């Protein structure tokens, strides 16, 4: 099962997963989207791999490390989270609402697009 977490719940999810290592927030948006709006890494590592490149870069991800997937509104990141879970990744979450919700809930200085 994929955890669905709101941006405001991310820090609690990170704390709950501490025993499994440092959390990665995997931003699966395109490069232009990342340039338009991005999150600031706080208590997590931020990694950008566009959705279509994930299968080829799977070996760069640790299947035992907590990974929270992020996109624009949450649909692409949910697909990536489901794919990772199917590949044996055991601690995967989807940041529901994506960067749009991040702007609304966490940091209004993050542009909405």
N, C-alpha and C. Protein backbone atom coordinates (compact mmCIF):
# COMPACT_ATOMS: atom_id res chain seq x y z
N UNK A 1 0.84 -1.19 0.00
CA UNK A 1 0.00 0.00 0.00
C UNK A 1 0.88 1.25 0.00
N UNK A 2 0.45 2.23 -0.74
CA UNK A 2 1.18 3.49 -0.85
C UNK A 2 0.59 4.48 0.15
N UNK A 3 1.44 5.02 1.03
CA UNK A 3 0.98 6.06 1.94
C UNK A 3 0.67 7.32 1.15
N UNK A 4 -0.48 7.92 1.42
CA UNK A 4 -0.87 9.21 0.84
C UNK A 4 -0.68 10.25 1.94
N UNK A 5 0.28 11.14 1.74
CA UNK A 5 0.55 12.15 2.77
C UNK A 5 0.42 13.54 2.18
N UNK A 6 -0.18 14.41 2.94
CA UNK A 6 -0.24 15.82 2.57
C UNK A 6 1.14 16.43 2.87
N UNK A 7 1.51 17.49 2.17
CA UNK A 7 2.78 18.13 2.46
C UNK A 7 2.95 18.48 3.95
N UNK A 8 1.87 18.91 4.59
CA UNK A 8 1.94 19.26 6.01
C UNK A 8 2.22 18.04 6.90
N UNK A 9 2.03 16.84 6.37
CA UNK A 9 2.27 15.61 7.13
C UNK A 9 3.65 15.00 6.85
N UNK A 10 4.38 15.58 5.91
CA UNK A 10 5.65 14.97 5.49
C UNK A 10 6.64 14.81 6.64
N UNK A 11 6.80 15.82 7.46
CA UNK A 11 7.77 15.73 8.56
C UNK A 11 7.41 14.61 9.53
N UNK A 12 6.13 14.42 9.80
CA UNK A 12 5.72 13.32 10.68
C UNK A 12 6.04 11.97 10.03
N UNK A 13 5.81 11.86 8.72
CA UNK A 13 6.11 10.61 7.99
C UNK A 13 7.61 10.34 8.03
N UNK A 14 8.41 11.39 7.85
CA UNK A 14 9.88 11.24 7.91
C UNK A 14 10.29 10.72 9.28
N UNK A 15 9.74 11.30 10.32
CA UNK A 15 10.10 10.86 11.68
C UNK A 15 9.69 9.41 11.91
N UNK A 16 8.54 9.02 11.39
CA UNK A 16 8.06 7.65 11.57
C UNK A 16 8.95 6.64 10.82
N UNK A 17 9.63 7.10 9.80
CA UNK A 17 10.47 6.21 8.97
C UNK A 17 11.95 6.32 9.29
N UNK A 18 12.33 7.06 10.31
CA UNK A 18 13.74 7.29 10.64
C UNK A 18 14.54 6.01 10.80
N UNK A 19 13.95 4.99 11.32
CA UNK A 19 14.67 3.73 11.55
C UNK A 19 15.12 3.09 10.25
N UNK A 20 14.52 3.52 9.12
CA UNK A 20 14.84 2.92 7.83
C UNK A 20 15.82 3.76 7.02
N UNK A 21 16.35 4.82 7.63
CA UNK A 21 17.34 5.66 6.96
C UNK A 21 16.79 7.02 6.62
N UNK A 22 17.65 7.82 6.01
CA UNK A 22 17.26 9.18 5.64
C UNK A 22 16.26 9.14 4.49
N UNK A 23 15.26 9.98 4.59
CA UNK A 23 14.21 10.03 3.59
C UNK A 23 14.67 10.80 2.35
N UNK A 24 14.22 10.31 1.21
CA UNK A 24 14.42 10.99 -0.07
C UNK A 24 13.06 11.49 -0.54
N UNK A 25 12.99 12.76 -0.91
CA UNK A 25 11.83 13.27 -1.63
C UNK A 25 12.24 13.22 -3.09
N UNK A 26 11.54 12.38 -3.83
CA UNK A 26 11.83 12.14 -5.24
C UNK A 26 10.89 12.99 -6.09
N UNK A 27 11.43 14.04 -6.66
CA UNK A 27 10.65 14.94 -7.51
C UNK A 27 10.67 14.38 -8.92
N UNK A 28 9.51 13.97 -9.42
CA UNK A 28 9.43 13.28 -10.71
C UNK A 28 8.94 14.21 -11.83
N UNK A 29 8.94 15.51 -11.58
CA UNK A 29 8.51 16.45 -12.60
C UNK A 29 9.61 16.68 -13.64
N UNK A 30 9.25 17.35 -14.72
CA UNK A 30 10.21 17.68 -15.77
C UNK A 30 11.12 18.81 -15.30
N UNK A 31 12.26 18.96 -15.95
CA UNK A 31 13.25 19.97 -15.55
C UNK A 31 12.67 21.38 -15.55
N UNK A 32 11.86 21.71 -16.55
CA UNK A 32 11.28 23.06 -16.61
C UNK A 32 10.36 23.31 -15.42
N UNK A 33 9.68 22.26 -14.95
CA UNK A 33 8.80 22.41 -13.79
C UNK A 33 9.62 22.66 -12.52
N UNK A 34 10.72 21.96 -12.42
CA UNK A 34 11.61 22.14 -11.27
C UNK A 34 12.16 23.56 -11.23
N UNK A 35 12.48 24.11 -12.41
CA UNK A 35 12.97 25.49 -12.48
C UNK A 35 11.88 26.49 -12.12
N UNK A 36 10.63 26.14 -12.40
CA UNK A 36 9.51 27.02 -12.10
C UNK A 36 9.20 27.06 -10.61
N UNK A 37 9.22 25.89 -9.96
CA UNK A 37 8.87 25.80 -8.55
C UNK A 37 9.56 24.58 -7.94
N UNK A 38 10.19 24.78 -6.78
CA UNK A 38 10.85 23.67 -6.12
C UNK A 38 10.69 23.80 -4.61
N UNK A 39 10.89 22.69 -3.92
CA UNK A 39 10.83 22.69 -2.46
C UNK A 39 12.24 22.85 -1.90
N UNK A 40 12.31 23.29 -0.67
CA UNK A 40 13.57 23.37 0.06
C UNK A 40 13.71 22.10 0.89
N UNK A 41 14.84 21.45 0.78
CA UNK A 41 15.06 20.21 1.52
C UNK A 41 15.28 20.53 3.01
N UNK A 42 14.40 19.96 3.84
CA UNK A 42 14.53 20.09 5.30
C UNK A 42 14.34 18.70 5.90
N UNK A 43 15.39 18.15 6.47
CA UNK A 43 15.36 16.82 7.08
C UNK A 43 15.14 15.72 6.06
N UNK A 44 15.41 15.99 4.80
CA UNK A 44 15.32 14.97 3.76
C UNK A 44 16.26 15.35 2.62
N UNK A 45 16.60 14.35 1.82
CA UNK A 45 17.37 14.60 0.61
C UNK A 45 16.39 14.82 -0.52
N UNK A 46 16.68 15.75 -1.40
CA UNK A 46 15.83 16.04 -2.54
C UNK A 46 16.53 15.51 -3.80
N UNK A 47 15.82 14.67 -4.53
CA UNK A 47 16.36 14.06 -5.73
C UNK A 47 15.39 14.29 -6.87
N UNK A 48 15.91 14.74 -8.02
CA UNK A 48 15.06 14.99 -9.18
C UNK A 48 15.37 13.95 -10.26
N UNK A 49 14.38 13.13 -10.57
CA UNK A 49 14.44 12.21 -11.70
C UNK A 49 13.07 12.27 -12.38
N UNK A 50 13.01 12.81 -13.60
CA UNK A 50 11.72 12.86 -14.28
C UNK A 50 11.09 11.47 -14.40
N UNK A 51 9.77 11.45 -14.34
CA UNK A 51 9.01 10.19 -14.33
C UNK A 51 9.46 9.22 -15.41
N UNK A 52 9.63 9.69 -16.63
CA UNK A 52 9.95 8.79 -17.73
C UNK A 52 11.36 8.19 -17.63
N UNK A 53 12.20 8.73 -16.76
CA UNK A 53 13.56 8.21 -16.60
C UNK A 53 13.69 7.24 -15.43
N UNK A 54 12.66 7.13 -14.60
CA UNK A 54 12.72 6.30 -13.40
C UNK A 54 13.13 4.85 -13.70
N UNK A 55 12.51 4.16 -14.67
CA UNK A 55 12.90 2.76 -14.89
C UNK A 55 14.39 2.58 -15.18
N UNK A 56 14.98 3.49 -15.93
CA UNK A 56 16.39 3.38 -16.26
C UNK A 56 17.32 3.79 -15.14
N UNK A 57 16.81 4.48 -14.15
CA UNK A 57 17.64 4.95 -13.04
C UNK A 57 17.28 4.26 -11.72
N UNK A 58 16.55 3.18 -11.81
CA UNK A 58 16.10 2.46 -10.62
C UNK A 58 17.27 2.06 -9.72
N UNK A 59 18.39 1.71 -10.33
CA UNK A 59 19.56 1.27 -9.55
C UNK A 59 20.16 2.40 -8.71
N UNK A 60 19.78 3.65 -8.99
CA UNK A 60 20.28 4.78 -8.22
C UNK A 60 19.49 5.00 -6.94
N UNK A 61 18.40 4.25 -6.78
CA UNK A 61 17.54 4.39 -5.60
C UNK A 61 17.70 3.19 -4.69
N UNK A 62 17.70 3.42 -3.39
CA UNK A 62 17.81 2.36 -2.39
C UNK A 62 16.41 1.86 -2.04
N UNK A 63 16.10 0.60 -2.32
CA UNK A 63 14.75 0.09 -2.07
C UNK A 63 14.36 0.01 -0.59
N UNK A 64 15.33 0.16 0.30
CA UNK A 64 15.03 0.10 1.73
C UNK A 64 14.91 1.47 2.37
N UNK A 65 15.25 2.50 1.63
CA UNK A 65 15.22 3.87 2.14
C UNK A 65 13.83 4.47 1.91
N UNK A 66 13.31 5.25 2.86
CA UNK A 66 12.01 5.89 2.65
C UNK A 66 12.06 6.88 1.49
N UNK A 67 11.07 6.78 0.60
CA UNK A 67 10.99 7.67 -0.56
C UNK A 67 9.58 8.24 -0.63
N UNK A 68 9.51 9.56 -0.64
CA UNK A 68 8.24 10.27 -0.83
C UNK A 68 8.28 10.89 -2.22
N UNK A 69 7.36 10.50 -3.08
CA UNK A 69 7.33 10.97 -4.46
C UNK A 69 6.50 12.24 -4.57
N UNK A 70 6.99 13.17 -5.41
CA UNK A 70 6.37 14.49 -5.55
C UNK A 70 6.28 14.86 -7.02
N UNK A 71 5.15 15.44 -7.43
CA UNK A 71 5.02 15.98 -8.78
C UNK A 71 4.22 17.29 -8.68
N UNK A 72 3.49 17.64 -9.75
CA UNK A 72 2.73 18.88 -9.76
C UNK A 72 1.48 18.81 -8.89
N UNK A 73 0.63 17.81 -9.14
CA UNK A 73 -0.62 17.67 -8.38
C UNK A 73 -0.76 16.33 -7.68
N UNK A 74 0.12 15.39 -7.93
CA UNK A 74 0.08 14.10 -7.24
C UNK A 74 -0.21 12.89 -8.09
N UNK A 75 -0.58 13.07 -9.35
CA UNK A 75 -0.93 11.93 -10.20
C UNK A 75 0.32 11.19 -10.70
N UNK A 76 1.27 11.92 -11.25
CA UNK A 76 2.50 11.26 -11.73
C UNK A 76 3.26 10.63 -10.58
N UNK A 77 3.34 11.35 -9.47
CA UNK A 77 4.08 10.81 -8.33
C UNK A 77 3.42 9.55 -7.78
N UNK A 78 2.10 9.48 -7.85
CA UNK A 78 1.40 8.27 -7.43
C UNK A 78 1.75 7.11 -8.34
N UNK A 79 1.83 7.35 -9.64
CA UNK A 79 2.23 6.30 -10.58
C UNK A 79 3.65 5.82 -10.29
N UNK A 80 4.55 6.74 -10.01
CA UNK A 80 5.93 6.37 -9.69
C UNK A 80 5.98 5.61 -8.37
N UNK A 81 5.25 6.07 -7.37
CA UNK A 81 5.23 5.38 -6.07
C UNK A 81 4.73 3.95 -6.24
N UNK A 82 3.68 3.76 -7.03
CA UNK A 82 3.14 2.42 -7.28
C UNK A 82 4.18 1.56 -8.01
N UNK A 83 4.86 2.14 -8.99
CA UNK A 83 5.90 1.42 -9.71
C UNK A 83 7.02 1.00 -8.77
N UNK A 84 7.46 1.90 -7.90
CA UNK A 84 8.53 1.57 -6.95
C UNK A 84 8.08 0.45 -6.02
N UNK A 85 6.86 0.52 -5.54
CA UNK A 85 6.35 -0.53 -4.66
C UNK A 85 6.34 -1.88 -5.38
N UNK A 86 5.96 -1.88 -6.66
CA UNK A 86 5.96 -3.12 -7.45
C UNK A 86 7.37 -3.67 -7.63
N UNK A 87 8.36 -2.78 -7.57
CA UNK A 87 9.75 -3.19 -7.74
C UNK A 87 10.40 -3.60 -6.41
N UNK A 88 9.61 -3.61 -5.34
CA UNK A 88 10.12 -4.08 -4.05
C UNK A 88 10.54 -2.99 -3.09
N UNK A 89 10.29 -1.73 -3.42
CA UNK A 89 10.60 -0.64 -2.50
C UNK A 89 9.59 -0.70 -1.36
N UNK A 90 10.08 -0.72 -0.13
CA UNK A 90 9.20 -1.04 0.99
C UNK A 90 8.65 0.17 1.76
N UNK A 91 9.22 1.34 1.57
CA UNK A 91 8.78 2.52 2.33
C UNK A 91 8.55 3.67 1.35
N UNK A 92 7.40 3.63 0.69
CA UNK A 92 7.10 4.60 -0.37
C UNK A 92 5.83 5.37 -0.01
N UNK A 93 5.86 6.67 -0.30
CA UNK A 93 4.69 7.51 -0.10
C UNK A 93 4.49 8.41 -1.30
N UNK A 94 3.28 8.88 -1.46
CA UNK A 94 2.96 9.88 -2.46
C UNK A 94 2.61 11.17 -1.73
N UNK A 95 3.22 12.27 -2.15
CA UNK A 95 2.87 13.56 -1.58
C UNK A 95 1.62 14.04 -2.32
N UNK A 96 0.48 13.84 -1.68
CA UNK A 96 -0.82 14.16 -2.28
C UNK A 96 -0.92 15.66 -2.54
N UNK A 97 -1.36 15.99 -3.72
CA UNK A 97 -1.51 17.40 -4.08
C UNK A 97 -0.25 18.02 -4.65
N UNK A 98 0.88 17.32 -4.53
CA UNK A 98 2.13 17.74 -5.14
C UNK A 98 2.64 19.10 -4.72
N UNK A 99 3.42 19.69 -5.64
CA UNK A 99 4.04 20.99 -5.36
C UNK A 99 2.98 22.08 -5.20
N UNK A 100 1.84 21.90 -5.84
CA UNK A 100 0.74 22.85 -5.71
C UNK A 100 0.26 22.90 -4.25
N UNK A 101 0.06 21.73 -3.66
CA UNK A 101 -0.36 21.67 -2.25
C UNK A 101 0.77 22.13 -1.34
N UNK A 102 2.02 21.86 -1.74
CA UNK A 102 3.17 22.30 -0.94
C UNK A 102 3.13 23.82 -0.82
N UNK A 103 2.86 24.49 -1.92
CA UNK A 103 2.78 25.95 -1.90
C UNK A 103 1.66 26.43 -0.98
N UNK A 104 0.53 25.75 -1.02
CA UNK A 104 -0.62 26.14 -0.20
C UNK A 104 -0.43 25.84 1.28
N UNK A 105 0.22 24.70 1.59
CA UNK A 105 0.29 24.24 2.98
C UNK A 105 1.60 24.58 3.71
N UNK A 106 2.70 24.63 2.96
CA UNK A 106 4.01 24.74 3.59
C UNK A 106 4.70 26.08 3.31
N UNK A 107 4.80 26.42 2.03
CA UNK A 107 5.62 27.56 1.64
C UNK A 107 4.95 28.34 0.51
N UNK A 108 4.22 29.41 0.86
CA UNK A 108 3.53 30.18 -0.17
C UNK A 108 4.48 30.91 -1.14
N UNK A 109 5.77 30.95 -0.83
CA UNK A 109 6.72 31.56 -1.77
C UNK A 109 7.01 30.65 -2.95
N UNK A 110 6.61 29.36 -2.86
CA UNK A 110 6.75 28.44 -3.99
C UNK A 110 5.67 28.79 -5.00
N UNK A 111 6.08 29.15 -6.23
CA UNK A 111 5.07 29.54 -7.22
C UNK A 111 4.12 28.40 -7.59
N UNK A 112 2.88 28.75 -7.80
CA UNK A 112 1.92 27.80 -8.33
C UNK A 112 1.84 28.02 -9.84
N UNK A 113 1.76 26.93 -10.57
CA UNK A 113 1.71 27.04 -12.04
C UNK A 113 0.69 26.10 -12.61
